[in-house]
Amino acid sequence: MTVLHNGVVVHDNVEQPHATTSSLLLEGPEPGPVNLQDHNSEVRYRNVWFVER
């Protein structure tokens, strides 16, 4: 996965070796949901893109 934050690359071609503890699904070959954390605070997301490659 590659992540840009405000135009700055913070993760470049990083492989996620296993599901995270917040995952609602068991690990498997099929893609699952992406969770965006808010930590119970007023957070707004905009211009979020998910591109399958």
N, C-alpha and C. Protein backbone atom coordinates (compact mmCIF):
# COMPACT_ATOMS: atom_id res chain seq x y z
N MET A 1 0.84 -1.15 0.00
CA MET A 1 0.00 0.00 0.00
C MET A 1 0.90 1.22 0.00
N THR A 2 0.43 2.26 -0.64
CA THR A 2 1.13 3.56 -0.64
C THR A 2 0.16 4.59 -0.09
N VAL A 3 0.61 5.41 0.85
CA VAL A 3 -0.25 6.39 1.50
C VAL A 3 0.36 7.77 1.33
N LEU A 4 -0.45 8.71 0.84
CA LEU A 4 -0.06 10.11 0.78
C LEU A 4 -0.91 10.88 1.78
N HIS A 5 -0.30 11.75 2.56
CA HIS A 5 -1.01 12.60 3.51
C HIS A 5 -0.65 14.04 3.19
N ASN A 6 -1.64 14.80 2.77
CA ASN A 6 -1.41 16.20 2.36
C ASN A 6 -0.32 16.29 1.30
N GLY A 7 -0.34 15.33 0.35
CA GLY A 7 0.60 15.35 -0.75
C GLY A 7 1.98 14.80 -0.43
N VAL A 8 2.18 14.33 0.79
CA VAL A 8 3.48 13.79 1.21
C VAL A 8 3.36 12.28 1.36
N VAL A 9 4.27 11.52 0.75
CA VAL A 9 4.24 10.07 0.86
C VAL A 9 4.69 9.68 2.27
N VAL A 10 3.79 9.00 3.01
CA VAL A 10 4.14 8.54 4.36
C VAL A 10 4.38 7.04 4.41
N HIS A 11 3.82 6.30 3.43
CA HIS A 11 4.09 4.87 3.27
C HIS A 11 4.23 4.62 1.78
N ASP A 12 5.31 3.98 1.37
CA ASP A 12 5.54 3.74 -0.05
C ASP A 12 5.71 2.24 -0.31
N ASN A 13 4.71 1.66 -0.98
CA ASN A 13 4.74 0.26 -1.36
C ASN A 13 4.97 -0.65 -0.15
N VAL A 14 4.23 -0.42 0.92
CA VAL A 14 4.34 -1.20 2.15
C VAL A 14 3.35 -2.36 2.09
N GLU A 15 3.79 -3.56 2.42
CA GLU A 15 2.91 -4.72 2.44
C GLU A 15 2.40 -4.92 3.86
N GLN A 16 1.10 -5.10 3.99
CA GLN A 16 0.49 -5.37 5.29
C GLN A 16 0.49 -6.89 5.46
N PRO A 17 1.37 -7.45 6.31
CA PRO A 17 1.53 -8.91 6.39
C PRO A 17 0.34 -9.66 6.99
N HIS A 18 -0.52 -8.99 7.74
CA HIS A 18 -1.65 -9.67 8.36
C HIS A 18 -2.74 -8.66 8.68
N ALA A 19 -3.91 -9.15 9.01
CA ALA A 19 -5.03 -8.28 9.36
C ALA A 19 -4.72 -7.54 10.65
N THR A 20 -5.26 -6.35 10.78
CA THR A 20 -5.07 -5.59 12.01
C THR A 20 -6.08 -6.05 13.06
N THR A 21 -5.89 -5.61 14.28
CA THR A 21 -6.79 -6.03 15.36
C THR A 21 -8.18 -5.42 15.21
N SER A 22 -8.32 -4.35 14.40
CA SER A 22 -9.64 -3.74 14.21
C SER A 22 -10.42 -4.39 13.08
N SER A 23 -9.81 -5.36 12.39
CA SER A 23 -10.46 -6.01 11.26
C SER A 23 -11.68 -6.80 11.73
N LEU A 24 -12.78 -6.65 11.00
CA LEU A 24 -14.00 -7.38 11.33
C LEU A 24 -14.05 -8.75 10.67
N LEU A 25 -13.13 -9.00 9.74
CA LEU A 25 -13.11 -10.26 9.00
C LEU A 25 -11.87 -11.05 9.32
N LEU A 26 -11.96 -12.36 9.12
CA LEU A 26 -10.78 -13.20 9.25
C LEU A 26 -9.88 -12.98 8.05
N GLU A 27 -8.60 -13.29 8.19
CA GLU A 27 -7.67 -13.14 7.09
C GLU A 27 -8.05 -14.08 5.96
N GLY A 28 -7.82 -13.64 4.73
CA GLY A 28 -8.12 -14.46 3.58
C GLY A 28 -7.68 -13.76 2.31
N PRO A 29 -7.85 -14.42 1.16
CA PRO A 29 -7.37 -13.86 -0.10
C PRO A 29 -8.24 -12.74 -0.67
N GLU A 30 -9.49 -12.63 -0.21
CA GLU A 30 -10.38 -11.62 -0.76
C GLU A 30 -10.17 -10.27 -0.06
N PRO A 31 -10.27 -9.16 -0.80
CA PRO A 31 -10.14 -7.85 -0.16
C PRO A 31 -11.31 -7.60 0.79
N GLY A 32 -11.06 -6.86 1.81
CA GLY A 32 -12.10 -6.56 2.80
C GLY A 32 -12.29 -5.07 2.94
N PRO A 33 -13.01 -4.65 3.96
CA PRO A 33 -13.28 -3.23 4.16
C PRO A 33 -12.05 -2.48 4.68
N VAL A 34 -12.06 -1.19 4.49
CA VAL A 34 -11.03 -0.31 5.03
C VAL A 34 -11.69 0.53 6.12
N ASN A 35 -11.12 0.53 7.31
CA ASN A 35 -11.66 1.30 8.43
C ASN A 35 -10.83 2.55 8.64
N LEU A 36 -11.49 3.70 8.77
CA LEU A 36 -10.81 4.95 9.09
C LEU A 36 -11.12 5.27 10.55
N GLN A 37 -10.09 5.44 11.35
CA GLN A 37 -10.28 5.64 12.79
C GLN A 37 -10.61 7.09 13.10
N ASP A 38 -11.43 7.28 14.13
CA ASP A 38 -11.74 8.63 14.59
C ASP A 38 -11.46 8.83 16.07
N HIS A 39 -11.21 7.78 16.83
CA HIS A 39 -10.88 7.86 18.26
C HIS A 39 -11.90 8.67 19.03
N ASN A 40 -13.17 8.57 18.62
CA ASN A 40 -14.29 9.24 19.29
C ASN A 40 -14.13 10.76 19.36
N SER A 41 -13.42 11.33 18.40
CA SER A 41 -13.31 12.78 18.33
C SER A 41 -13.92 13.26 17.02
N GLU A 42 -14.13 14.54 16.91
CA GLU A 42 -14.74 15.10 15.71
C GLU A 42 -13.70 15.14 14.59
N VAL A 43 -13.75 14.15 13.73
CA VAL A 43 -12.81 14.02 12.63
C VAL A 43 -13.60 14.02 11.34
N ARG A 44 -13.08 14.71 10.33
CA ARG A 44 -13.72 14.70 9.01
C ARG A 44 -12.71 14.26 7.98
N TYR A 45 -13.15 13.40 7.10
CA TYR A 45 -12.30 12.93 6.01
C TYR A 45 -12.86 13.49 4.71
N ARG A 46 -11.97 13.89 3.82
CA ARG A 46 -12.42 14.32 2.51
C ARG A 46 -11.35 13.97 1.48
N ASN A 47 -11.80 13.81 0.27
CA ASN A 47 -10.90 13.50 -0.83
C ASN A 47 -10.09 12.24 -0.54
N VAL A 48 -10.77 11.19 -0.08
CA VAL A 48 -10.13 9.91 0.19
C VAL A 48 -10.36 9.02 -1.02
N TRP A 49 -9.28 8.48 -1.56
CA TRP A 49 -9.36 7.63 -2.75
C TRP A 49 -8.77 6.26 -2.44
N PHE A 50 -9.47 5.21 -2.89
CA PHE A 50 -8.97 3.85 -2.81
C PHE A 50 -8.86 3.35 -4.24
N VAL A 51 -7.66 3.02 -4.67
CA VAL A 51 -7.43 2.59 -6.04
C VAL A 51 -6.87 1.17 -6.00
N GLU A 52 -7.62 0.23 -6.58
CA GLU A 52 -7.14 -1.15 -6.63
C GLU A 52 -6.16 -1.28 -7.78
N ARG A 53 -5.02 -1.89 -7.50
CA ARG A 53 -4.00 -2.05 -8.52
C ARG A 53 -3.64 -3.49 -8.67
